[in-house]
Amino acid sequence: MLYSVSFRSRVLAVEVREGLINQETADHFGIGIASVARWRFRIKPKAYLQRKPYKIDMAALADDVRQFPDAYKNQCAQRFGVMVQAICHGFKRLGVA
């Protein structure tokens, strides 16, 4: 679960003010003990990189599916010059079975 930075800093402030240990702080706020320990080192959550698919152009894959609706995945992979797994991931992103 993602907690806000203000909540995280409030938890750590209460821990310092009341002299609690990790387990007591986790029980008091109803959160995991690992979360409390991790927040000491990094209070802000990690930023996740949202990458777009780089091997297959999704618009071209959608056009290919419309043009060849009954084609096998390995045939589609040959047309795009990628492995079948890349086509499977592309189909999943498009919502195609």
N, C-alpha and C. Protein backbone atom coordinates (compact mmCIF):
# COMPACT_ATOMS: atom_id res chain seq x y z
N MET A 1 0.85 -1.18 0.00
CA MET A 1 0.00 0.00 0.00
C MET A 1 0.89 1.24 0.00
N LEU A 2 0.49 2.25 -0.72
CA LEU A 2 1.26 3.47 -0.82
C LEU A 2 0.72 4.49 0.19
N TYR A 3 1.58 4.89 1.11
CA TYR A 3 1.22 5.89 2.11
C TYR A 3 1.78 7.24 1.70
N SER A 4 1.09 8.30 2.07
CA SER A 4 1.55 9.64 1.70
C SER A 4 2.80 10.00 2.50
N VAL A 5 3.54 10.96 1.97
CA VAL A 5 4.77 11.39 2.63
C VAL A 5 4.45 12.04 3.97
N SER A 6 3.34 12.77 4.04
CA SER A 6 2.97 13.41 5.31
C SER A 6 2.65 12.37 6.38
N PHE A 7 1.98 11.28 6.01
CA PHE A 7 1.70 10.21 6.96
C PHE A 7 3.00 9.55 7.41
N ARG A 8 3.90 9.30 6.48
CA ARG A 8 5.17 8.66 6.82
C ARG A 8 5.97 9.52 7.81
N SER A 9 6.03 10.82 7.54
CA SER A 9 6.80 11.69 8.44
C SER A 9 6.11 11.79 9.79
N ARG A 10 4.79 11.75 9.82
CA ARG A 10 4.07 11.79 11.09
C ARG A 10 4.34 10.53 11.91
N VAL A 11 4.39 9.38 11.24
CA VAL A 11 4.69 8.12 11.92
C VAL A 11 6.08 8.18 12.54
N LEU A 12 7.06 8.63 11.76
CA LEU A 12 8.43 8.70 12.28
C LEU A 12 8.56 9.73 13.40
N ALA A 13 7.81 10.83 13.31
CA ALA A 13 7.84 11.84 14.38
C ALA A 13 7.27 11.28 15.67
N VAL A 14 6.17 10.55 15.60
CA VAL A 14 5.58 9.94 16.79
C VAL A 14 6.54 8.91 17.38
N GLU A 15 7.20 8.17 16.52
CA GLU A 15 8.15 7.16 16.99
C GLU A 15 9.29 7.81 17.79
N VAL A 16 9.81 8.90 17.27
CA VAL A 16 10.91 9.59 17.96
C VAL A 16 10.41 10.25 19.23
N ARG A 17 9.26 10.91 19.15
CA ARG A 17 8.73 11.64 20.30
C ARG A 17 8.41 10.72 21.47
N GLU A 18 7.81 9.55 21.18
CA GLU A 18 7.41 8.64 22.25
C GLU A 18 8.45 7.57 22.55
N GLY A 19 9.53 7.56 21.80
CA GLY A 19 10.60 6.59 22.05
C GLY A 19 10.20 5.15 21.77
N LEU A 20 9.43 4.94 20.72
CA LEU A 20 8.96 3.61 20.37
C LEU A 20 9.98 2.87 19.52
N ILE A 21 9.87 1.55 19.50
CA ILE A 21 10.68 0.75 18.59
C ILE A 21 9.81 0.41 17.38
N ASN A 22 10.43 -0.22 16.38
CA ASN A 22 9.71 -0.49 15.12
C ASN A 22 8.40 -1.24 15.34
N GLN A 23 8.44 -2.30 16.13
CA GLN A 23 7.25 -3.13 16.33
C GLN A 23 6.14 -2.35 17.01
N GLU A 24 6.49 -1.55 18.01
CA GLU A 24 5.47 -0.76 18.71
C GLU A 24 4.86 0.29 17.79
N THR A 25 5.69 0.91 16.97
CA THR A 25 5.18 1.91 16.03
C THR A 25 4.27 1.27 14.99
N ALA A 26 4.67 0.11 14.48
CA ALA A 26 3.85 -0.59 13.49
C ALA A 26 2.52 -1.00 14.09
N ASP A 27 2.53 -1.50 15.32
CA ASP A 27 1.27 -1.89 15.97
C ASP A 27 0.38 -0.69 16.24
N HIS A 28 0.99 0.42 16.64
CA HIS A 28 0.22 1.63 16.96
C HIS A 28 -0.52 2.16 15.74
N PHE A 29 0.13 2.15 14.58
CA PHE A 29 -0.47 2.70 13.37
C PHE A 29 -1.12 1.64 12.48
N GLY A 30 -0.92 0.38 12.81
CA GLY A 30 -1.53 -0.69 12.00
C GLY A 30 -0.88 -0.85 10.64
N ILE A 31 0.44 -0.70 10.60
CA ILE A 31 1.18 -0.86 9.35
C ILE A 31 2.26 -1.92 9.55
N GLY A 32 2.93 -2.27 8.49
CA GLY A 32 3.97 -3.28 8.57
C GLY A 32 5.25 -2.76 9.19
N ILE A 33 5.93 -3.65 9.90
CA ILE A 33 7.17 -3.27 10.56
C ILE A 33 8.25 -2.94 9.53
N ALA A 34 8.25 -3.63 8.41
CA ALA A 34 9.24 -3.36 7.36
C ALA A 34 9.04 -1.97 6.77
N SER A 35 7.81 -1.52 6.70
CA SER A 35 7.55 -0.18 6.17
C SER A 35 8.18 0.88 7.06
N VAL A 36 8.02 0.73 8.35
CA VAL A 36 8.58 1.71 9.29
C VAL A 36 10.10 1.73 9.17
N ALA A 37 10.71 0.56 9.11
CA ALA A 37 12.17 0.50 9.00
C ALA A 37 12.65 1.09 7.68
N ARG A 38 11.92 0.84 6.60
CA ARG A 38 12.30 1.34 5.29
C ARG A 38 12.16 2.86 5.21
N TRP A 39 11.17 3.43 5.88
CA TRP A 39 10.94 4.87 5.82
C TRP A 39 12.06 5.66 6.47
N ARG A 40 12.82 5.04 7.37
CA ARG A 40 13.95 5.75 7.98
C ARG A 40 15.00 6.11 6.94
N PHE A 41 15.16 5.25 5.96
CA PHE A 41 16.19 5.48 4.95
C PHE A 41 15.68 6.29 3.76
N ARG A 42 14.42 6.10 3.41
CA ARG A 42 13.84 6.83 2.28
C ARG A 42 12.39 7.13 2.61
N ILE A 43 12.11 8.40 2.87
CA ILE A 43 10.75 8.76 3.26
C ILE A 43 9.84 8.93 2.04
N LYS A 44 10.44 9.31 0.92
CA LYS A 44 9.63 9.47 -0.29
C LYS A 44 9.58 8.14 -1.03
N PRO A 45 8.43 7.81 -1.63
CA PRO A 45 8.35 6.55 -2.39
C PRO A 45 9.19 6.63 -3.65
N LYS A 46 9.63 5.45 -4.11
CA LYS A 46 10.41 5.39 -5.34
C LYS A 46 9.54 5.78 -6.52
N ALA A 47 10.11 6.48 -7.46
CA ALA A 47 9.40 6.83 -8.69
C ALA A 47 9.60 5.69 -9.68
N TYR A 48 8.53 5.20 -10.22
CA TYR A 48 8.60 4.11 -11.17
C TYR A 48 8.63 4.66 -12.58
N LEU A 49 9.47 4.08 -13.39
CA LEU A 49 9.63 4.51 -14.77
C LEU A 49 8.54 3.87 -15.63
N GLN A 50 7.75 4.68 -16.25
CA GLN A 50 6.72 4.20 -17.16
C GLN A 50 7.30 4.18 -18.56
N ARG A 51 7.72 3.01 -18.99
CA ARG A 51 8.33 2.91 -20.31
C ARG A 51 7.30 2.45 -21.32
N LYS A 52 7.41 2.95 -22.51
CA LYS A 52 6.56 2.47 -23.57
C LYS A 52 7.25 1.28 -24.24
N PRO A 53 6.51 0.42 -24.88
CA PRO A 53 7.14 -0.71 -25.56
C PRO A 53 8.05 -0.22 -26.67
N TYR A 54 9.26 -0.73 -26.70
CA TYR A 54 10.23 -0.17 -27.64
C TYR A 54 10.45 -1.04 -28.86
N LYS A 55 10.04 -2.29 -28.84
CA LYS A 55 10.29 -3.15 -30.00
C LYS A 55 9.17 -3.08 -31.02
N ILE A 56 7.94 -2.96 -30.54
CA ILE A 56 6.78 -3.05 -31.43
C ILE A 56 6.01 -1.74 -31.37
N ASP A 57 5.72 -1.19 -32.52
CA ASP A 57 4.84 -0.03 -32.60
C ASP A 57 3.41 -0.51 -32.39
N MET A 58 2.77 -0.03 -31.32
CA MET A 58 1.45 -0.55 -30.95
C MET A 58 0.40 -0.22 -32.01
N ALA A 59 0.52 0.92 -32.67
CA ALA A 59 -0.43 1.26 -33.73
C ALA A 59 -0.28 0.30 -34.90
N ALA A 60 0.97 -0.04 -35.23
CA ALA A 60 1.21 -0.98 -36.33
C ALA A 60 0.72 -2.38 -35.96
N LEU A 61 0.88 -2.75 -34.69
CA LEU A 61 0.38 -4.05 -34.25
C LEU A 61 -1.14 -4.10 -34.31
N ALA A 62 -1.80 -3.02 -33.92
CA ALA A 62 -3.26 -2.97 -34.01
C ALA A 62 -3.72 -3.05 -35.46
N ASP A 63 -3.02 -2.38 -36.36
CA ASP A 63 -3.35 -2.47 -37.79
C ASP A 63 -3.14 -3.89 -38.31
N ASP A 64 -2.07 -4.53 -37.86
CA ASP A 64 -1.78 -5.90 -38.28
C ASP A 64 -2.88 -6.86 -37.81
N VAL A 65 -3.37 -6.65 -36.60
CA VAL A 65 -4.44 -7.51 -36.07
C VAL A 65 -5.72 -7.30 -36.87
N ARG A 66 -5.99 -6.05 -37.24
CA ARG A 66 -7.18 -5.79 -38.06
C ARG A 66 -7.03 -6.39 -39.46
N GLN A 67 -5.83 -6.33 -40.01
CA GLN A 67 -5.61 -6.82 -41.36
C GLN A 67 -5.56 -8.35 -41.42
N PHE A 68 -4.97 -8.97 -40.41
CA PHE A 68 -4.84 -10.44 -40.37
C PHE A 68 -5.44 -10.96 -39.06
N PRO A 69 -6.77 -10.98 -38.93
CA PRO A 69 -7.38 -11.37 -37.65
C PRO A 69 -7.20 -12.85 -37.31
N ASP A 70 -7.00 -13.70 -38.30
CA ASP A 70 -6.88 -15.13 -38.04
C ASP A 70 -5.43 -15.62 -38.07
N ALA A 71 -4.47 -14.72 -38.10
CA ALA A 71 -3.06 -15.11 -38.18
C ALA A 71 -2.59 -15.66 -36.83
N TYR A 72 -1.64 -16.58 -36.88
CA TYR A 72 -1.02 -17.11 -35.68
C TYR A 72 -0.03 -16.09 -35.14
N LYS A 73 0.28 -16.23 -33.86
CA LYS A 73 1.21 -15.29 -33.24
C LYS A 73 2.60 -15.40 -33.84
N ASN A 74 3.02 -16.60 -34.19
CA ASN A 74 4.36 -16.74 -34.76
C ASN A 74 4.44 -16.08 -36.14
N GLN A 75 3.34 -16.07 -36.90
CA GLN A 75 3.33 -15.37 -38.19
C GLN A 75 3.44 -13.86 -37.97
N CYS A 76 2.74 -13.38 -36.98
CA CYS A 76 2.80 -11.96 -36.65
C CYS A 76 4.21 -11.59 -36.18
N ALA A 77 4.82 -12.46 -35.40
CA ALA A 77 6.18 -12.21 -34.91
C ALA A 77 7.17 -12.15 -36.07
N GLN A 78 6.99 -12.99 -37.07
CA GLN A 78 7.87 -12.96 -38.23
C GLN A 78 7.71 -11.65 -39.00
N ARG A 79 6.48 -11.17 -39.12
CA ARG A 79 6.25 -9.90 -39.83
C ARG A 79 6.93 -8.73 -39.13
N PHE A 80 6.95 -8.76 -37.79
CA PHE A 80 7.53 -7.66 -37.02
C PHE A 80 9.01 -7.89 -36.70
N GLY A 81 9.49 -9.11 -36.91
CA GLY A 81 10.89 -9.40 -36.64
C GLY A 81 11.22 -9.49 -35.17
N VAL A 82 10.26 -9.98 -34.37
CA VAL A 82 10.47 -10.12 -32.93
C VAL A 82 10.12 -11.55 -32.51
N MET A 83 10.31 -11.84 -31.23
CA MET A 83 9.95 -13.16 -30.71
C MET A 83 8.45 -13.21 -30.42
N VAL A 84 7.94 -14.42 -30.30
CA VAL A 84 6.51 -14.62 -30.06
C VAL A 84 6.10 -14.00 -28.72
N GLN A 85 6.98 -14.05 -27.72
CA GLN A 85 6.66 -13.47 -26.42
C GLN A 85 6.40 -11.98 -26.51
N ALA A 86 7.13 -11.29 -27.39
CA ALA A 86 6.90 -9.85 -27.57
C ALA A 86 5.52 -9.59 -28.15
N ILE A 87 5.09 -10.45 -29.07
CA ILE A 87 3.75 -10.32 -29.65
C ILE A 87 2.69 -10.59 -28.58
N CYS A 88 2.94 -11.60 -27.73
CA CYS A 88 1.99 -11.90 -26.66
C CYS A 88 1.83 -10.71 -25.72
N HIS A 89 2.95 -10.08 -25.36
CA HIS A 89 2.88 -8.88 -24.49
C HIS A 89 2.18 -7.73 -25.21
N GLY A 90 2.42 -7.59 -26.48
CA GLY A 90 1.75 -6.54 -27.25
C GLY A 90 0.25 -6.78 -27.33
N PHE A 91 -0.16 -8.03 -27.53
CA PHE A 91 -1.57 -8.37 -27.55
C PHE A 91 -2.22 -8.07 -26.21
N LYS A 92 -1.50 -8.35 -25.14
CA LYS A 92 -2.04 -8.12 -23.81
C LYS A 92 -2.25 -6.62 -23.60
N ARG A 93 -1.29 -5.80 -24.06
CA ARG A 93 -1.44 -4.35 -23.93
C ARG A 93 -2.61 -3.83 -24.76
N LEU A 94 -2.84 -4.47 -25.91
CA LEU A 94 -3.96 -4.05 -26.77
C LEU A 94 -5.30 -4.58 -26.28
N GLY A 95 -5.28 -5.58 -25.43
CA GLY A 95 -6.51 -6.20 -24.96
C GLY A 95 -7.02 -7.23 -25.93
N VAL A 96 -6.11 -7.80 -26.74
CA VAL A 96 -6.47 -8.83 -27.71
C VAL A 96 -6.11 -10.18 -27.11
N ALA A 97 -6.95 -11.15 -27.28
CA ALA A 97 -6.68 -12.47 -26.70
C ALA A 97 -5.65 -13.18 -27.43
